[in-house]
Protein backbone atom coordinates (compact mmCIF):
# COMPACT_ATOMS: atom_id res chain seq x y z
CA MET A 1 140.12 95.99 110.90
CA GLU A 2 139.66 93.09 113.32
CA GLU A 3 136.58 91.90 111.42
CA CYS A 4 138.45 91.89 108.13
CA THR A 5 141.41 90.05 109.63
CA LEU A 6 139.27 87.31 111.16
CA ALA A 7 137.22 86.95 107.99
CA THR A 8 140.41 86.53 106.00
CA GLN A 9 141.92 83.98 108.36
CA ILE A 10 138.80 81.84 108.74
CA GLY A 11 139.74 80.34 105.39
CA SER A 12 142.65 78.70 107.15
CA ARG A 13 142.59 78.48 110.95
CA LEU A 14 141.90 80.84 113.82
CA GLY A 15 144.73 80.99 116.33
CA VAL A 16 143.57 80.68 119.93
CA GLY A 17 145.36 81.64 123.12
CA ILE A 18 143.86 80.25 126.32
CA ILE A 19 144.32 82.05 129.64
CA GLY A 20 143.78 79.90 132.71
CA VAL A 21 145.17 76.49 131.76
CA SER A 22 146.21 74.01 134.43
CA PRO A 23 147.86 70.65 133.74
CA VAL A 24 145.89 68.93 136.53
CA ARG A 25 142.35 70.36 136.56
CA GLY A 26 140.09 73.11 135.32
CA TRP A 27 137.54 74.01 132.68
CA ALA A 28 140.12 74.81 130.00
CA ALA A 29 141.51 71.28 130.10
CA THR A 30 138.07 69.69 130.46
CA ALA A 31 136.19 71.61 127.80
CA HIS A 32 138.04 74.23 125.75
CA ILE A 33 141.07 72.21 124.73
CA PRO A 34 139.16 69.05 123.63
CA ALA A 35 136.64 71.22 121.78
CA LEU A 36 139.26 73.25 119.92
CA ARG A 37 141.32 70.19 119.07
CA ALA A 38 138.28 68.61 117.43
CA LEU A 39 137.54 71.58 115.17
CA PRO A 40 139.55 71.92 111.94
CA ASN A 41 139.23 75.73 111.74
CA TYR A 42 140.94 76.40 115.09
CA GLU A 43 144.49 75.97 116.34
CA ILE A 44 145.63 76.39 119.96
CA ARG A 45 148.74 78.53 119.61
CA ALA A 46 149.42 79.74 123.15
CA LEU A 47 148.61 79.00 126.78
CA SER A 48 148.87 80.92 130.02
CA GLY A 49 148.60 79.58 133.57
CA HIS A 50 148.78 80.90 137.11
CA SER A 51 152.53 80.27 137.51
CA ALA A 52 155.58 79.68 135.35
CA GLU A 53 155.83 76.06 136.50
CA SER A 54 152.16 75.29 135.91
CA THR A 55 152.21 76.99 132.52
CA ARG A 56 155.30 75.05 131.44
CA ALA A 57 153.71 71.76 132.50
CA ALA A 58 150.48 72.59 130.69
CA GLY A 59 152.34 73.47 127.52
CA GLU A 60 154.18 70.14 127.59
CA LEU A 61 151.01 68.18 128.39
CA PHE A 62 148.91 69.73 125.65
CA GLY A 63 151.68 70.10 123.07
CA VAL A 64 151.59 73.91 122.87
CA ARG A 65 155.03 75.48 122.58
CA ALA A 66 154.05 79.09 123.31
CA ALA A 67 153.36 79.04 127.06
CA PHE A 68 153.37 82.34 128.94
CA SER A 69 153.14 82.85 132.69
CA ASP A 70 152.26 86.49 131.94
CA PRO A 71 148.92 86.70 130.10
CA GLU A 72 149.85 90.15 128.78
CA GLN A 73 152.48 88.43 126.64
CA LEU A 74 149.88 86.01 125.28
CA VAL A 75 147.41 88.68 124.17
CA SER A 76 150.14 90.61 122.36
CA GLN A 77 151.10 87.71 120.09
CA PRO A 78 150.24 88.52 116.46
CA GLU A 79 149.34 84.90 115.66
CA ILE A 80 146.54 84.94 118.25
CA ASP A 81 143.13 85.80 116.81
CA VAL A 82 140.92 84.68 119.70
CA VAL A 83 141.71 84.87 123.43
CA ALA A 84 139.80 82.42 125.66
CA VAL A 85 139.54 83.57 129.28
CA THR A 86 138.88 80.60 131.58
CA VAL A 87 140.12 81.89 134.93
CA LYS A 88 138.10 82.56 138.10
CA VAL A 89 135.47 85.26 137.77
CA PRO A 90 137.21 87.98 139.87
CA HIS A 91 140.01 88.09 137.27
CA HIS A 92 137.78 88.29 134.17
CA ARG A 93 137.60 92.06 133.84
CA GLU A 94 141.35 92.67 133.93
CA LEU A 95 142.22 89.90 131.46
CA VAL A 96 139.30 90.48 129.12
CA SER A 97 140.07 94.20 129.02
CA ALA A 98 143.70 93.51 128.11
CA ALA A 99 142.66 91.18 125.27
CA LEU A 100 140.11 93.68 123.95
CA ALA A 101 142.67 96.48 124.12
CA ALA A 102 144.96 94.32 121.97
CA GLY A 103 142.19 94.05 119.38
CA LYS A 104 141.60 90.33 119.92
CA ALA A 105 138.28 88.53 119.72
CA VAL A 106 137.45 87.16 123.17
CA TYR A 107 135.66 84.05 124.42
CA CYS A 108 135.08 84.62 128.14
CA GLU A 109 133.54 82.08 130.45
CA TRP A 110 130.30 82.88 132.26
CA PRO A 111 129.68 84.80 134.47
CA LEU A 112 131.23 87.59 132.46
CA GLY A 113 131.88 89.70 135.56
CA ARG A 114 131.42 89.73 139.30
CA ASN A 115 128.38 91.97 138.88
CA VAL A 116 126.32 93.82 136.32
CA ASP A 117 128.58 96.89 136.32
CA GLU A 118 131.63 94.84 135.37
CA ALA A 119 129.66 93.06 132.64
CA ARG A 120 128.37 96.32 131.20
CA GLY A 121 131.89 97.76 131.23
CA MET A 122 133.33 94.86 129.26
CA ALA A 123 130.43 94.91 126.80
CA ALA A 124 130.95 98.64 126.25
CA LEU A 125 134.69 98.19 125.71
CA ALA A 126 134.11 95.39 123.18
CA ALA A 127 131.66 97.59 121.29
CA LYS A 128 134.08 100.50 121.35
CA ARG A 129 136.93 98.35 120.06
CA GLY A 130 134.69 96.78 117.41
CA VAL A 131 135.77 93.21 118.17
CA ARG A 132 133.72 90.04 118.23
CA THR A 133 133.06 88.36 121.56
CA VAL A 134 131.55 85.17 122.94
CA VAL A 135 130.37 84.48 126.48
CA GLY A 136 130.22 80.92 127.80
CA LEU A 137 126.44 80.52 127.83
CA GLN A 138 126.88 77.51 125.57
CA ALA A 139 123.68 75.72 126.60
CA ARG A 140 122.06 77.75 123.81
CA GLN A 141 124.01 75.60 121.36
CA ALA A 142 122.75 72.27 122.77
CA PRO A 143 120.92 70.25 120.07
CA ALA A 144 118.00 69.68 122.45
CA ILE A 145 117.50 73.43 122.78
CA GLU A 146 117.56 73.95 119.02
CA PHE A 147 114.96 71.18 118.81
CA VAL A 148 112.75 72.85 121.43
CA GLN A 149 112.94 76.11 119.48
CA GLU A 150 111.88 74.31 116.30
CA LEU A 151 108.94 72.67 118.07
CA LEU A 152 107.79 76.00 119.48
CA ARG A 153 108.06 77.71 116.09
CA ASP A 154 106.01 74.89 114.58
CA GLY A 155 103.27 75.46 117.16
CA TYR A 156 103.73 72.23 119.10
CA VAL A 157 102.39 73.74 122.34
CA GLY A 158 100.29 76.48 120.74
CA GLU A 159 100.47 79.77 122.60
CA VAL A 160 102.83 79.56 125.58
CA LEU A 161 100.84 80.18 128.76
CA SER A 162 103.44 79.51 131.44
CA THR A 163 106.78 77.91 132.17
CA THR A 164 108.24 76.29 135.27
CA MET A 165 111.87 75.45 136.03
CA VAL A 166 113.21 73.52 139.02
CA GLY A 167 116.85 72.55 139.47
CA LEU A 168 119.65 71.39 141.73
CA SER A 169 123.09 72.93 141.98
CA ILE A 170 126.19 71.32 143.54
CA PRO A 171 126.04 69.76 147.06
CA GLY A 172 125.79 72.49 149.64
CA ASP A 173 127.56 71.01 152.66
CA VAL A 174 131.12 70.27 151.45
CA VAL A 175 133.22 71.96 148.76
CA GLY A 176 136.71 71.36 147.42
CA GLN A 177 139.40 73.91 148.18
CA PRO A 178 139.62 75.20 144.57
CA ASN A 179 135.93 76.13 144.72
CA ALA A 180 135.94 77.68 148.19
CA TYR A 181 136.08 81.17 146.64
CA MET A 182 132.53 80.54 145.35
CA LEU A 183 131.18 80.75 148.92
CA ASP A 184 131.94 84.49 149.03
CA LYS A 185 129.09 86.31 147.30
CA THR A 186 131.32 89.22 146.23
CA ASN A 187 133.41 86.92 143.99
CA GLY A 188 130.45 86.58 141.62
CA ALA A 189 130.59 82.79 141.14
CA ASN A 190 127.76 81.17 143.05
CA LEU A 191 124.34 79.54 142.84
CA LEU A 192 122.71 82.70 141.49
CA THR A 193 125.23 83.50 138.79
CA ILE A 194 126.11 79.97 137.67
CA ALA A 195 123.26 77.46 138.14
CA VAL A 196 120.50 80.09 138.01
CA GLY A 197 122.35 82.16 135.41
CA HIS A 198 122.82 79.32 132.92
CA SER A 199 119.30 77.99 133.47
CA LEU A 200 117.59 81.37 133.24
CA ASP A 201 119.55 82.19 130.12
CA LEU A 202 117.95 79.22 128.39
CA LEU A 203 114.49 80.17 129.56
CA THR A 204 114.77 83.74 128.30
CA TYR A 205 116.65 82.76 125.12
CA VAL A 206 113.84 80.40 124.13
CA LEU A 207 110.77 82.15 125.55
CA GLY A 208 111.72 85.83 125.80
CA GLU A 209 112.87 88.21 128.50
CA PHE A 210 111.25 89.05 131.82
CA THR A 211 109.31 92.30 132.05
CA ASP A 212 109.06 92.11 135.86
CA LEU A 213 109.76 89.63 138.61
CA SER A 214 109.62 88.85 142.31
CA ALA A 215 112.39 86.87 143.99
CA VAL A 216 113.26 85.18 147.26
CA SER A 217 116.89 84.49 148.13
CA ASN A 218 117.84 82.49 151.21
CA LEU A 219 121.02 81.20 152.84
CA ARG A 220 120.06 77.97 154.57
CA ARG A 221 123.51 76.44 155.09
CA PRO A 222 125.80 79.23 156.30
CA LEU A 223 128.68 76.98 157.42
CA ILE A 224 130.43 74.86 154.81
CA THR A 225 133.18 72.26 155.20
CA ILE A 226 136.28 72.37 153.01
CA GLY A 227 136.69 68.79 151.82
CA GLU A 228 140.49 68.61 151.87
CA THR A 229 141.00 70.15 155.32
CA GLY A 230 137.76 69.72 157.24
CA GLU A 231 137.80 73.45 157.99
CA ARG A 232 134.38 75.05 158.45
CA ILE A 233 134.00 78.45 156.82
CA VAL A 234 131.18 80.96 156.56
CA LYS A 235 129.28 81.15 153.29
CA THR A 236 127.73 84.47 152.22
CA ALA A 237 126.26 83.39 148.86
CA ALA A 238 122.60 82.32 148.81
CA ASP A 239 121.80 78.62 148.41
CA GLN A 240 118.08 79.02 147.62
CA ILE A 241 116.81 81.20 144.76
CA ALA A 242 113.13 81.37 143.77
CA VAL A 243 111.76 83.68 141.09
CA ILE A 244 108.30 84.30 139.67
CA GLY A 245 107.61 86.80 136.94
CA THR A 246 106.04 87.74 133.65
CA LEU A 247 107.72 87.35 130.26
CA THR A 248 107.35 89.79 127.36
CA SER A 249 104.85 87.38 125.77
CA GLY A 250 102.64 87.61 128.86
CA ALA A 251 103.52 84.08 129.96
CA THR A 252 104.01 83.40 133.67
CA ALA A 253 107.43 82.02 134.63
CA SER A 254 108.54 80.41 137.88
CA VAL A 255 112.04 79.21 138.76
CA HIS A 256 113.47 77.56 141.88
CA VAL A 257 117.10 76.48 141.96
CA ARG A 258 118.67 75.17 145.16
CA GLU A 259 121.73 73.34 146.35
CA ALA A 260 121.78 69.58 145.99
CA VAL A 261 119.64 67.45 148.31
CA ALA A 262 119.18 63.68 148.41
CA GLY A 263 116.60 62.53 145.89
CA GLY A 264 115.75 66.00 144.58
CA THR A 265 114.75 66.74 141.00
CA GLY A 266 117.97 67.50 139.12
CA PHE A 267 116.54 69.73 136.40
CA LEU A 268 113.03 70.00 135.05
CA TRP A 269 111.86 72.72 132.70
CA GLU A 270 108.27 72.62 131.57
CA ILE A 271 106.71 74.82 128.89
CA ASN A 272 102.92 74.75 128.95
CA GLY A 273 100.79 76.05 126.09
CA THR A 274 97.25 76.08 124.79
CA ASP A 275 97.85 72.95 122.69
CA GLY A 276 100.52 71.00 124.53
CA THR A 277 103.51 70.73 126.85
CA LEU A 278 107.26 70.38 126.42
CA ARG A 279 109.40 69.05 129.24
CA ILE A 280 113.21 69.29 129.25
CA THR A 281 115.04 67.29 131.91
CA ALA A 282 118.61 66.67 133.06
CA ASP A 283 120.51 65.44 136.11
CA ALA A 284 121.36 68.92 137.41
CA ALA A 285 120.71 72.61 136.75
CA TYR A 286 123.76 72.84 134.50
CA PRO A 287 122.17 72.62 131.04
CA GLU A 288 125.39 73.89 129.50
CA ILE A 289 127.17 70.70 130.60
CA VAL A 290 124.62 67.97 131.41
CA PRO A 291 122.85 66.23 128.49
CA LEU A 292 119.22 67.25 128.07
CA THR A 293 116.19 65.04 127.30
CA VAL A 294 113.08 66.40 125.60
CA ALA A 295 109.57 65.02 126.09
CA GLY A 296 106.26 66.36 124.86
CA ALA A 297 102.51 66.02 124.95
CA HIS A 298 100.65 67.51 122.00
CA GLY A 299 96.89 67.96 122.04
CA ARG A 300 95.49 65.24 124.30
CA SER A 301 98.38 62.79 123.91
CA GLU A 302 100.38 61.41 126.83
CA LEU A 303 103.82 62.84 127.58
CA SER A 304 106.51 60.88 125.70
CA GLU A 305 110.17 61.34 124.84
CA LEU A 306 110.91 63.15 121.59
CA ALA A 307 114.10 62.23 119.75
CA VAL A 308 116.33 65.14 118.81
CA PRO A 309 116.68 65.06 114.99
CA ALA A 310 119.99 63.79 113.67
CA ALA A 311 120.32 66.95 111.57
CA LEU A 312 120.75 68.90 114.81
CA THR A 313 123.04 66.49 116.66
CA GLN A 314 125.22 66.12 113.54
CA LYS A 315 125.32 69.82 112.71
CA TRP A 316 129.06 69.90 113.42
CA PRO A 317 130.33 66.38 112.51
CA ALA A 318 133.83 67.04 113.86
CA LEU A 319 132.36 67.17 117.38
CA ALA A 320 130.56 63.82 117.25
CA GLY A 321 133.16 62.15 119.48
CA LEU A 322 132.51 64.68 122.25
CA GLU A 323 128.74 64.18 122.50
CA GLY A 324 127.71 63.80 126.14
CA ALA A 325 130.98 65.32 127.39
CA PRO A 326 131.41 68.80 128.94
CA ALA A 327 133.35 69.89 125.84
CA TYR A 328 130.45 69.20 123.46
CA ASN A 329 128.42 72.40 123.77
CA VAL A 330 131.60 74.47 124.13
CA GLY A 331 132.74 73.00 120.83
CA ARG A 332 129.40 73.81 119.23
CA ALA A 333 129.75 77.41 120.45
CA TYR A 334 133.24 77.67 118.93
CA ALA A 335 132.00 76.13 115.68
CA ALA A 336 129.08 78.55 115.51
CA PHE A 337 131.41 81.45 116.30
CA ALA A 338 133.65 80.57 113.35
CA ALA A 339 130.56 80.36 111.14
CA ASP A 340 129.42 83.76 112.44
CA ILE A 341 132.77 85.28 111.51
CA GLU A 342 132.60 83.76 108.04
CA ASN A 343 128.96 84.63 107.38
CA GLY A 344 128.66 87.92 109.25
CA THR A 345 125.97 86.46 111.50
CA HIS A 346 125.34 86.58 115.26
CA THR A 347 124.22 83.19 116.58
CA VAL A 348 126.40 82.83 119.68
CA PRO A 349 125.84 84.97 122.79
CA ASP A 350 128.23 87.91 123.00
CA PHE A 351 129.13 90.36 125.76
CA ALA A 352 126.01 92.44 125.12
CA ASP A 353 123.90 89.32 125.67
CA ALA A 354 125.90 88.61 128.83
CA ALA A 355 125.24 92.11 130.16
CA ARG A 356 121.51 91.59 129.63
CA ARG A 357 121.65 88.34 131.58
CA HIS A 358 123.56 90.04 134.38
CA GLU A 359 120.82 92.68 134.47
CA VAL A 360 118.21 89.98 135.16
CA LEU A 361 120.36 88.57 137.96
CA ALA A 362 120.74 92.06 139.40
CA ALA A 363 116.94 92.45 139.29
CA ILE A 364 116.60 89.16 141.21
CA GLU A 365 118.97 90.49 143.86
CA ARG A 366 117.09 93.79 144.10
CA SER A 367 113.75 92.05 144.50
CA ALA A 368 115.04 89.57 147.05
CA ALA A 369 116.61 92.39 149.09
CA SER A 370 113.58 94.67 149.00
CA GLY A 371 110.78 92.12 149.04
CA GLU A 372 109.18 93.98 146.15
CA ARG A 373 108.33 93.15 142.57
CA VAL A 374 110.77 94.88 140.22
CA LYS A 375 110.89 95.82 136.54
CA VAL A 376 113.63 94.20 134.50
């Protein structure tokens, strides 16, 4: 029923309700709202915030009349086709489950859950309810990544032999109060799940899944200062993650993501093959947000930058004004999702894909804890 309803309504516009909107900060205001406003086949029809006052202010700021302090009211609105969940990770399961129970399609930010069990539970519920889902692993939609996939399909590097990824996360000595919850490992929003999660998702999306891996996880800065107060609090989430493993193709993969240090390499992903090399770079290990540059060396040529074809960057013309902004890849994910609904395709990552990614992160944790190589 849900599939038929969405397919019928895609001819006009999909109504979106966003849970987790603040008038002063946050990912909804930075990415989801600009992205949805740019796309002609979506309409923001309702908002929900953490308090009645905040929700009212957000509704006025963004010009959305239906503003609910209770997200349960939002998901029950008949004019809402898609619920976007952009709150902190510990609240994902409750809100996503309510939206799925109401028969709504759901776009949930990544990480899907605090751990693999929560992710599997939400994926199972979505499958049971028969509704479409999207998880915020939007780096897959970056034009540079589509370009890399094309180059690999065309044999630019020949057979992939190995791949190496190095990246920096956010500074590890001071955090703002709103992000202090990320220091507690049990909240599920940390270096492993976010910087490593987004980066590893690209690696496996492009080159295939891990069959086995070994990991090292370290906590090198256990005391962190809260920027607004100067308070020093204990961090329990790791700030160094290193992984080496084998992909299904037989290629060797190595990954090291760490918290920001002066002068460190922001993000470098190299794919080495029998006939050449591709190198993808950025300023930080947040490929879902930070613009990516592609360079290559084919045969015996020197490494040089490769321009992403205009056909890929202009795939969704309505989003041209957002290029380079955090909303760009989110917009491309929404645009692809609408096309999936219309065409019956599956090009954006859904909750089942998210559960698979959580399983890799869980394998990293198991290996780091045991000191042993583990199957994935």
